[in-house]
């Protein structure tokens, strides 16, 4: 009799385990599908804006080129997403692209649309609050709160390779080498201090310790136009993507846009 009871208990335990496994699998599948649907919605929204707008000057064309790059990157990552966290990363990339769309609309004198929830690291990075033009290592670098004939490269603000880059318009995308390499080059702290010293609204403390990482930052040179073909790495605004399909730290967003 005891043997029969033992068998019944064992069978009950096995049945419970099978049920739990199936339930977990079903829940995981449902969560992934929901995350994919949300990501797809943001990517499609970004794509609609990119296709609908045509830049009227260098600043708006550059911002739309950057938005188009984020759209391409998000689409590529969407194809590779296998977890809800990776899908949320797709949403984040599409979200950044919409910040560039918003900047392009402002540059063209259009209604920018509704406010966007903040990107990771954006508020802590601060913003450009005054026009600046400085000489660094024989190069002239400019920054301004809004687009100008010289400052045509927009950055929405955030953390690149562990250090803040204020949102604003720049004459060159000086943060790009660190974003690609994942580390700031020698001379980057001097560049930052020269450009932002004493500027209200810009975080200074994170740059006070001097540069770290490999050289090849600002000295790498820029082409002055087009989108960032190298893509993103995990150091930018809580996690952007690189061109090879890598994933960064988890972050996600909600809300509606345009």
C-alpha atoms as a PDB file:
ATOM      1  CA  UNK A   1       0.000   0.000   0.000  1.00  0.00           C
ATOM      2  CA  UNK A   2       2.798   2.385   0.914  1.00  0.00           C
ATOM      3  CA  UNK A   3       4.394   1.693  -2.458  1.00  0.00           C
ATOM      4  CA  UNK A   4       1.220   2.732  -4.261  1.00  0.00           C
ATOM      5  CA  UNK A   5       1.038   5.953  -2.235  1.00  0.00           C
ATOM      6  CA  UNK A   6       4.663   6.710  -2.998  1.00  0.00           C
ATOM      7  CA  UNK A   7       4.036   6.184  -6.716  1.00  0.00           C
ATOM      8  CA  UNK A   8       1.006   8.485  -6.584  1.00  0.00           C
ATOM      9  CA  UNK A   9       3.048  11.201  -4.857  1.00  0.00           C
ATOM     10  CA  UNK A  10       5.875  10.860  -7.369  1.00  0.00           C
ATOM     11  CA  UNK A  11       3.450  11.070 -10.286  1.00  0.00           C
ATOM     12  CA  UNK A  12       1.793  14.129  -8.736  1.00  0.00           C
ATOM     13  CA  UNK A  13       5.153  15.845  -8.317  1.00  0.00           C
ATOM     14  CA  UNK A  14       6.113  15.077 -11.920  1.00  0.00           C
ATOM     15  CA  UNK A  15       2.781  16.416 -13.157  1.00  0.00           C
ATOM     16  CA  UNK A  16       3.242  19.599 -11.136  1.00  0.00           C
ATOM     17  CA  UNK A  17       6.741  20.122 -12.492  1.00  0.00           C
ATOM     18  CA  UNK A  18       5.553  19.592 -16.076  1.00  0.00           C
ATOM     19  CA  UNK A  19       2.722  22.071 -15.532  1.00  0.00           C
ATOM     20  CA  UNK A  20       5.089  24.678 -14.066  1.00  0.00           C
ATOM     21  CA  UNK A  21       7.541  24.276 -16.935  1.00  0.00           C
ATOM     22  CA  UNK A  22       4.780  24.643 -19.506  1.00  0.00           C
ATOM     23  CA  UNK A  23       3.367  27.675 -17.681  1.00  0.00           C
ATOM     24  CA  UNK A  24       6.786  29.316 -17.500  1.00  0.00           C
ATOM     25  CA  UNK A  25       7.369  28.672 -21.202  1.00  0.00           C
ATOM     26  CA  UNK A  26       3.985  30.114 -22.098  1.00  0.00           C
ATOM     27  CA  UNK A  27       4.565  33.200 -19.931  1.00  0.00           C
ATOM     28  CA  UNK A  28       8.044  33.714 -21.400  1.00  0.00           C
ATOM     29  CA  UNK A  29       6.721  33.416 -24.950  1.00  0.00           C
ATOM     30  CA  UNK A  30       3.921  35.860 -24.234  1.00  0.00           C
ATOM     31  CA  UNK A  31       6.318  38.377 -22.670  1.00  0.00           C
ATOM     32  CA  UNK A  32       8.639  38.138 -25.665  1.00  0.00           C
ATOM     33  CA  UNK A  33       5.809  38.642 -28.128  1.00  0.00           C
ATOM     34  CA  UNK A  34       4.553  41.670 -26.203  1.00  0.00           C
ATOM     35  CA  UNK A  35       8.054  43.148 -26.128  1.00  0.00           C
ATOM     36  CA  UNK A  36       8.499  42.517 -29.856  1.00  0.00           C
ATOM     37  CA  UNK A  37       5.194  44.191 -30.630  1.00  0.00           C
ATOM     38  CA  UNK A  38       6.183  47.238 -28.581  1.00  0.00           C
ATOM     39  CA  UNK A  39       9.590  47.450 -30.240  1.00  0.00           C
ATOM     40  CA  UNK A  40       8.085  47.070 -33.683  1.00  0.00           C
ATOM     41  CA  UNK A  41       5.669  49.903 -32.949  1.00  0.00           C
ATOM     42  CA  UNK A  42       8.502  52.285 -32.068  1.00  0.00           C
ATOM     43  CA  UNK A  43      10.630  51.239 -35.039  1.00  0.00           C
ATOM     44  CA  UNK A  44       7.725  51.739 -37.423  1.00  0.00           C
ATOM     45  CA  UNK A  45       6.983  55.129 -35.898  1.00  0.00           C
ATOM     46  CA  UNK A  46      10.584  56.207 -36.350  1.00  0.00           C
ATOM     47  CA  UNK A  47      10.585  54.913 -39.915  1.00  0.00           C
ATOM     48  CA  UNK A  48       7.448  56.865 -40.718  1.00  0.00           C
ATOM     49  CA  UNK A  49       9.033  60.091 -39.509  1.00  0.00           C
ATOM     50  CA  UNK A  50      12.299  59.467 -41.346  1.00  0.00           C
ATOM     51  CA  UNK A  51      10.516  58.752 -44.616  1.00  0.00           C
ATOM     52  CA  UNK A  52       8.100  61.664 -44.274  1.00  0.00           C
ATOM     53  CA  UNK A  53      10.659  64.402 -43.644  1.00  0.00           C
ATOM     54  CA  UNK A  54      13.257  65.965 -45.922  1.00  0.00           C
ATOM     55  CA  UNK A  55      15.871  68.284 -44.492  1.00  0.00           C
ATOM     56  CA  UNK A  56      15.922  71.872 -45.697  1.00  0.00           C
ATOM     57  CA  UNK A  57      19.379  72.829 -44.420  1.00  0.00           C
ATOM     58  CA  UNK A  58      22.580  71.138 -43.284  1.00  0.00           C
ATOM     59  CA  UNK A  59      21.506  70.869 -39.640  1.00  0.00           C
ATOM     60  CA  UNK A  60      18.155  69.219 -40.384  1.00  0.00           C
ATOM     61  CA  UNK A  61      19.673  66.945 -43.023  1.00  0.00           C
ATOM     62  CA  UNK A  62      22.357  65.808 -40.580  1.00  0.00           C
ATOM     63  CA  UNK A  63      19.832  65.179 -37.810  1.00  0.00           C
ATOM     64  CA  UNK A  64      17.620  63.174 -40.173  1.00  0.00           C
ATOM     65  CA  UNK A  65      20.646  61.193 -41.363  1.00  0.00           C
ATOM     66  CA  UNK A  66      21.385  60.311 -37.736  1.00  0.00           C
ATOM     67  CA  UNK A  67      17.730  59.388 -37.220  1.00  0.00           C
ATOM     68  CA  UNK A  68      17.841  57.179 -40.314  1.00  0.00           C
ATOM     69  CA  UNK A  69      20.919  55.434 -38.964  1.00  0.00           C
ATOM     70  CA  UNK A  70      19.119  54.674 -35.703  1.00  0.00           C
ATOM     71  CA  UNK A  71      16.212  53.336 -37.737  1.00  0.00           C
ATOM     72  CA  UNK A  72      18.537  50.998 -39.629  1.00  0.00           C
ATOM     73  CA  UNK A  73      20.261  49.893 -36.424  1.00  0.00           C
ATOM     74  CA  UNK A  74      16.951  49.277 -34.678  1.00  0.00           C
ATOM     75  CA  UNK A  75      15.681  47.204 -37.606  1.00  0.00           C
ATOM     76  CA  UNK A  76      18.827  45.087 -37.578  1.00  0.00           C
ATOM     77  CA  UNK A  77      18.588  44.512 -33.848  1.00  0.00           C
ATOM     78  CA  UNK A  78      14.884  43.709 -34.164  1.00  0.00           C
ATOM     79  CA  UNK A  79      15.749  40.789 -36.406  1.00  0.00           C
ATOM     80  CA  UNK A  80      18.177  39.439 -33.800  1.00  0.00           C
ATOM     81  CA  UNK A  81      16.140  40.082 -30.645  1.00  0.00           C
ATOM     82  CA  UNK A  82      15.506  36.873 -28.703  1.00  0.00           C
ATOM     83  CA  UNK A  83      14.621  38.197 -25.244  1.00  0.00           C
ATOM     84  CA  UNK A  84      12.375  40.935 -23.851  1.00  0.00           C
ATOM     85  CA  UNK A  85      15.477  42.809 -22.660  1.00  0.00           C
ATOM     86  CA  UNK A  86      16.893  42.844 -26.192  1.00  0.00           C
ATOM     87  CA  UNK A  87      13.557  44.034 -27.531  1.00  0.00           C
ATOM     88  CA  UNK A  88      13.608  46.889 -25.049  1.00  0.00           C
ATOM     89  CA  UNK A  89      17.022  47.809 -26.393  1.00  0.00           C
ATOM     90  CA  UNK A  90      15.473  48.035 -29.861  1.00  0.00           C
ATOM     91  CA  UNK A  91      12.885  50.404 -28.422  1.00  0.00           C
ATOM     92  CA  UNK A  92      15.646  52.505 -26.902  1.00  0.00           C
ATOM     93  CA  UNK A  93      17.492  52.860 -30.189  1.00  0.00           C
ATOM     94  CA  UNK A  94      14.285  53.829 -31.971  1.00  0.00           C
ATOM     95  CA  UNK A  95      13.584  56.258 -29.186  1.00  0.00           C
ATOM     96  CA  UNK A  96      16.939  57.970 -29.643  1.00  0.00           C
ATOM     97  CA  UNK A  97      16.204  58.222 -33.344  1.00  0.00           C
ATOM     98  CA  UNK A  98      13.034  60.110 -32.543  1.00  0.00           C
ATOM     99  CA  UNK A  99      15.082  62.616 -30.561  1.00  0.00           C
ATOM    100  CA  UNK A 100      17.036  63.291 -33.750  1.00  0.00           C
ATOM    101  CA  UNK A 101      13.771  63.640 -35.656  1.00  0.00           C
ATOM    102  CA  UNK A 102      12.615  66.174 -33.094  1.00  0.00           C
ATOM    103  CA  UNK A 103      15.870  68.103 -33.504  1.00  0.00           C
ATOM    104  CA  UNK A 104      15.447  68.110 -37.286  1.00  0.00           C
ATOM    105  CA  UNK A 105      11.935  69.474 -36.970  1.00  0.00           C
ATOM    106  CA  UNK A 106      13.189  72.258 -34.711  1.00  0.00           C
ATOM    107  CA  UNK A 107      15.972  73.085 -37.168  1.00  0.00           C
ATOM    108  CA  UNK A 108      13.382  73.406 -39.940  1.00  0.00           C
ATOM    109  CA  UNK A 109      11.159  75.656 -37.857  1.00  0.00           C
ATOM    110  CA  UNK A 110       8.455  73.003 -37.495  1.00  0.00           C
ATOM    111  CA  UNK A 111       6.441  72.025 -34.464  1.00  0.00           C
ATOM    112  CA  UNK A 112       8.747  69.561 -32.658  1.00  0.00           C
ATOM    113  CA  UNK A 113       5.831  67.470 -31.462  1.00  0.00           C
ATOM    114  CA  UNK A 114       5.119  66.302 -27.909  1.00  0.00           C
ATOM    115  CA  UNK A 115       7.826  66.157 -25.273  1.00  0.00           C
ATOM    116  CA  UNK A 116       9.661  62.845 -24.982  1.00  0.00           C
ATOM    117  CA  UNK A 117      10.389  60.988 -21.756  1.00  0.00           C
ATOM    118  CA  UNK A 118      14.083  61.350 -20.892  1.00  0.00           C
ATOM    119  CA  UNK A 119      16.736  58.998 -22.205  1.00  0.00           C
ATOM    120  CA  UNK A 120      19.041  57.373 -19.622  1.00  0.00           C
ATOM    121  CA  UNK A 121      21.769  59.764 -18.558  1.00  0.00           C
ATOM    122  CA  UNK A 122      20.294  62.672 -20.480  1.00  0.00           C
ATOM    123  CA  UNK A 123      19.263  64.861 -17.559  1.00  0.00           C
ATOM    124  CA  UNK A 124      22.555  64.295 -15.725  1.00  0.00           C
ATOM    125  CA  UNK A 125      24.600  65.257 -18.786  1.00  0.00           C
ATOM    126  CA  UNK A 126      23.151  68.749 -18.910  1.00  0.00           C
ATOM    127  CA  UNK A 127      22.760  70.923 -21.973  1.00  0.00           C
ATOM    128  CA  UNK A 128      24.585  73.562 -23.947  1.00  0.00           C
ATOM    129  CA  UNK A 129      23.289  76.907 -22.698  1.00  0.00           C
ATOM    130  CA  UNK A 130      25.431  79.400 -24.632  1.00  0.00           C
ATOM    131  CA  UNK A 131      27.350  79.733 -27.870  1.00  0.00           C
ATOM    132  CA  UNK A 132      30.984  78.660 -27.620  1.00  0.00           C
ATOM    133  CA  UNK A 133      33.864  78.549 -30.100  1.00  0.00           C
ATOM    134  CA  UNK A 134      37.248  77.322 -28.948  1.00  0.00           C
ATOM    135  CA  UNK A 135      40.585  76.206 -30.372  1.00  0.00           C
ATOM    136  CA  UNK A 136      41.763  72.748 -29.286  1.00  0.00           C
ATOM    137  CA  UNK A 137      44.929  71.194 -30.716  1.00  0.00           C
ATOM    138  CA  UNK A 138      44.755  73.431 -33.746  1.00  0.00           C
ATOM    139  CA  UNK A 139      41.090  72.709 -34.441  1.00  0.00           C
ATOM    140  CA  UNK A 140      38.133  75.017 -34.027  1.00  0.00           C
ATOM    141  CA  UNK A 141      35.213  73.478 -32.181  1.00  0.00           C
ATOM    142  CA  UNK A 142      31.829  75.107 -31.659  1.00  0.00           C
ATOM    143  CA  UNK A 143      28.744  74.449 -29.550  1.00  0.00           C
ATOM    144  CA  UNK A 144      25.383  76.159 -29.271  1.00  0.00           C
ATOM    145  CA  UNK A 145      21.900  75.559 -27.797  1.00  0.00           C
ATOM    146  CA  UNK A 146      20.354  75.582 -31.269  1.00  0.00           C
ATOM    147  CA  UNK A 147      21.540  74.840 -34.799  1.00  0.00           C
ATOM    148  CA  UNK A 148      23.686  77.407 -36.609  1.00  0.00           C
ATOM    149  CA  UNK A 149      25.400  77.532 -39.957  1.00  0.00           C
ATOM    150  CA  UNK A 150      28.492  76.058 -38.303  1.00  0.00           C
ATOM    151  CA  UNK A 151      26.987  73.864 -35.582  1.00  0.00           C
ATOM    152  CA  UNK A 152      25.029  71.253 -37.512  1.00  0.00           C
ATOM    153  CA  UNK A 153      25.653  68.071 -35.487  1.00  0.00           C
ATOM    154  CA  UNK A 154      23.042  67.371 -32.831  1.00  0.00           C
ATOM    155  CA  UNK A 155      23.458  65.166 -29.789  1.00  0.00           C
ATOM    156  CA  UNK A 156      20.450  64.448 -27.541  1.00  0.00           C
ATOM    157  CA  UNK A 157      22.583  64.247 -24.398  1.00  0.00           C
ATOM    158  CA  UNK A 158      23.668  61.267 -22.353  1.00  0.00           C
ATOM    159  CA  UNK A 159      26.612  59.210 -21.193  1.00  0.00           C
ATOM    160  CA  UNK A 160      29.258  58.108 -23.688  1.00  0.00           C
ATOM    161  CA  UNK A 161      31.958  55.721 -22.437  1.00  0.00           C
ATOM    162  CA  UNK A 162      31.112  56.598 -18.843  1.00  0.00           C
ATOM    163  CA  UNK A 163      31.184  60.380 -19.187  1.00  0.00           C
ATOM    164  CA  UNK A 164      28.461  62.948 -19.869  1.00  0.00           C
ATOM    165  CA  UNK A 165      28.020  64.660 -23.210  1.00  0.00           C
ATOM    166  CA  UNK A 166      25.587  67.594 -22.980  1.00  0.00           C
ATOM    167  CA  UNK A 167      22.708  67.844 -25.396  1.00  0.00           C
ATOM    168  CA  UNK A 168      23.119  70.546 -27.970  1.00  0.00           C
ATOM    169  CA  UNK A 169      24.455  71.348 -31.434  1.00  0.00           C
ATOM    170  CA  UNK A 170      28.125  71.025 -32.328  1.00  0.00           C
ATOM    171  CA  UNK A 171      30.417  71.823 -35.228  1.00  0.00           C
ATOM    172  CA  UNK A 172      31.779  68.257 -35.141  1.00  0.00           C
ATOM    173  CA  UNK A 173      30.593  65.033 -33.487  1.00  0.00           C
ATOM    174  CA  UNK A 174      33.556  65.015 -31.070  1.00  0.00           C
ATOM    175  CA  UNK A 175      31.984  62.242 -28.947  1.00  0.00           C
ATOM    176  CA  UNK A 176      31.874  59.786 -31.865  1.00  0.00           C
ATOM    177  CA  UNK A 177      35.317  58.128 -31.471  1.00  0.00           C
ATOM    178  CA  UNK A 178      34.606  57.371 -27.795  1.00  0.00           C
ATOM    179  CA  UNK A 179      31.170  56.062 -28.704  1.00  0.00           C
ATOM    180  CA  UNK A 180      32.693  53.692 -31.263  1.00  0.00           C
ATOM    181  CA  UNK A 181      35.748  52.652 -29.234  1.00  0.00           C
ATOM    182  CA  UNK A 182      34.036  52.593 -25.837  1.00  0.00           C
ATOM    183  CA  UNK A 183      36.763  54.777 -24.270  1.00  0.00           C
ATOM    184  CA  UNK A 184      37.846  58.392 -24.423  1.00  0.00           C
ATOM    185  CA  UNK A 185      41.162  59.295 -25.980  1.00  0.00           C
ATOM    186  CA  UNK A 186      43.991  61.351 -24.534  1.00  0.00           C
ATOM    187  CA  UNK A 187      43.082  65.020 -24.692  1.00  0.00           C
ATOM    188  CA  UNK A 188      39.347  64.486 -24.369  1.00  0.00           C
ATOM    189  CA  UNK A 189      39.231  66.054 -20.900  1.00  0.00           C
ATOM    190  CA  UNK A 190      41.042  69.131 -22.214  1.00  0.00           C
ATOM    191  CA  UNK A 191      38.583  69.333 -25.070  1.00  0.00           C
ATOM    192  CA  UNK A 192      35.633  69.116 -22.696  1.00  0.00           C
ATOM    193  CA  UNK A 193      36.991  71.683 -20.250  1.00  0.00           C
ATOM    194  CA  UNK A 194      37.860  74.095 -23.057  1.00  0.00           C
ATOM    195  CA  UNK A 195      34.410  73.846 -24.578  1.00  0.00           C
ATOM    196  CA  UNK A 196      32.282  73.829 -21.437  1.00  0.00           C
ATOM    197  CA  UNK A 197      34.323  75.498 -18.672  1.00  0.00           C
ATOM    198  CA  UNK A 198      32.032  77.664 -16.573  1.00  0.00           C
ATOM    199  CA  UNK A 199      28.970  76.927 -18.699  1.00  0.00           C
ATOM    200  CA  UNK A 200      25.784  76.767 -16.653  1.00  0.00           C
ATOM    201  CA  UNK A 201      23.832  73.539 -17.004  1.00  0.00           C
ATOM    202  CA  UNK A 202      26.813  71.313 -17.838  1.00  0.00           C
ATOM    203  CA  UNK A 203      28.160  68.653 -15.469  1.00  0.00           C
ATOM    204  CA  UNK A 204      31.879  69.249 -14.928  1.00  0.00           C
ATOM    205  CA  UNK A 205      32.794  66.825 -12.114  1.00  0.00           C
ATOM    206  CA  UNK A 206      32.737  63.649 -14.207  1.00  0.00           C
ATOM    207  CA  UNK A 207      35.568  65.026 -16.354  1.00  0.00           C
ATOM    208  CA  UNK A 208      37.711  66.391 -13.524  1.00  0.00           C
ATOM    209  CA  UNK A 209      39.883  63.279 -13.194  1.00  0.00           C
ATOM    210  CA  UNK A 210      41.364  63.468 -16.685  1.00  0.00           C
ATOM    211  CA  UNK A 211      40.844  61.091 -19.617  1.00  0.00           C
ATOM    212  CA  UNK A 212      41.003  57.345 -19.458  1.00  0.00           C
ATOM    213  CA  UNK A 213      41.029  54.710 -22.147  1.00  0.00           C
ATOM    214  CA  UNK A 214      43.002  54.619 -25.362  1.00  0.00           C
ATOM    215  CA  UNK A 215      44.185  57.495 -27.500  1.00  0.00           C
ATOM    216  CA  UNK A 216      42.570  58.118 -30.832  1.00  0.00           C
ATOM    217  CA  UNK A 217      39.563  60.097 -29.656  1.00  0.00           C
ATOM    218  CA  UNK A 218      39.361  63.619 -31.020  1.00  0.00           C
ATOM    219  CA  UNK A 219      42.425  63.031 -33.179  1.00  0.00           C
ATOM    220  CA  UNK A 220      40.589  60.422 -35.220  1.00  0.00           C
ATOM    221  CA  UNK A 221      38.984  63.019 -37.477  1.00  0.00           C
ATOM    222  CA  UNK A 222      35.453  63.367 -38.858  1.00  0.00           C
ATOM    223  CA  UNK A 223      33.922  63.689 -42.269  1.00  0.00           C
ATOM    224  CA  UNK A 224      31.575  66.446 -41.151  1.00  0.00           C
ATOM    225  CA  UNK A 225      28.412  64.924 -42.583  1.00  0.00           C
ATOM    226  CA  UNK A 226      26.245  61.878 -42.977  1.00  0.00           C
ATOM    227  CA  UNK A 227      25.281  59.332 -40.369  1.00  0.00           C
ATOM    228  CA  UNK A 228      27.481  57.517 -37.918  1.00  0.00           C
ATOM    229  CA  UNK A 229      28.216  54.335 -39.825  1.00  0.00           C
ATOM    230  CA  UNK A 230      29.999  52.672 -36.935  1.00  0.00           C
ATOM    231  CA  UNK A 231      26.885  52.445 -34.810  1.00  0.00           C
ATOM    232  CA  UNK A 232      26.767  52.304 -31.043  1.00  0.00           C
ATOM    233  CA  UNK A 233      28.196  50.536 -28.060  1.00  0.00           C
ATOM    234  CA  UNK A 234      27.155  50.079 -24.464  1.00  0.00           C
ATOM    235  CA  UNK A 235      28.577  53.373 -23.270  1.00  0.00           C
ATOM    236  CA  UNK A 236      25.980  55.659 -24.773  1.00  0.00           C
ATOM    237  CA  UNK A 237      22.855  56.750 -22.927  1.00  0.00           C
ATOM    238  CA  UNK A 238      22.284  53.553 -21.035  1.00  0.00           C
ATOM    239  CA  UNK A 239      23.099  51.247 -23.941  1.00  0.00           C
ATOM    240  CA  UNK A 240      23.199  51.680 -27.689  1.00  0.00           C
ATOM    241  CA  UNK A 241      24.094  49.132 -30.265  1.00  0.00           C
ATOM    242  CA  UNK A 242      27.191  48.409 -32.267  1.00  0.00           C
ATOM    243  CA  UNK A 243      27.247  47.538 -35.916  1.00  0.00           C
ATOM    244  CA  UNK A 244      27.968  43.886 -35.190  1.00  0.00           C
ATOM    245  CA  UNK A 245      24.739  43.180 -33.363  1.00  0.00           C
ATOM    246  CA  UNK A 246      25.972  43.382 -29.786  1.00  0.00           C
ATOM    247  CA  UNK A 247      23.630  44.194 -26.921  1.00  0.00           C
ATOM    248  CA  UNK A 248      24.164  46.572 -24.039  1.00  0.00           C
ATOM    249  CA  UNK A 249      22.585  47.199 -20.647  1.00  0.00           C
ATOM    250  CA  UNK A 250      18.835  46.837 -20.358  1.00  0.00           C
ATOM    251  CA  UNK A 251      16.678  49.928 -20.633  1.00  0.00           C
ATOM    252  CA  UNK A 252      13.172  50.532 -21.925  1.00  0.00           C
ATOM    253  CA  UNK A 253      10.611  53.265 -22.419  1.00  0.00           C
ATOM    254  CA  UNK A 254       6.935  53.854 -22.679  1.00  0.00           C
ATOM    255  CA  UNK A 255       4.653  56.662 -23.733  1.00  0.00           C
ATOM    256  CA  UNK A 256       3.531  57.922 -27.097  1.00  0.00           C
ATOM    257  CA  UNK A 257       5.151  60.072 -29.726  1.00  0.00           C
ATOM    258  CA  UNK A 258       3.967  61.913 -32.835  1.00  0.00           C
END
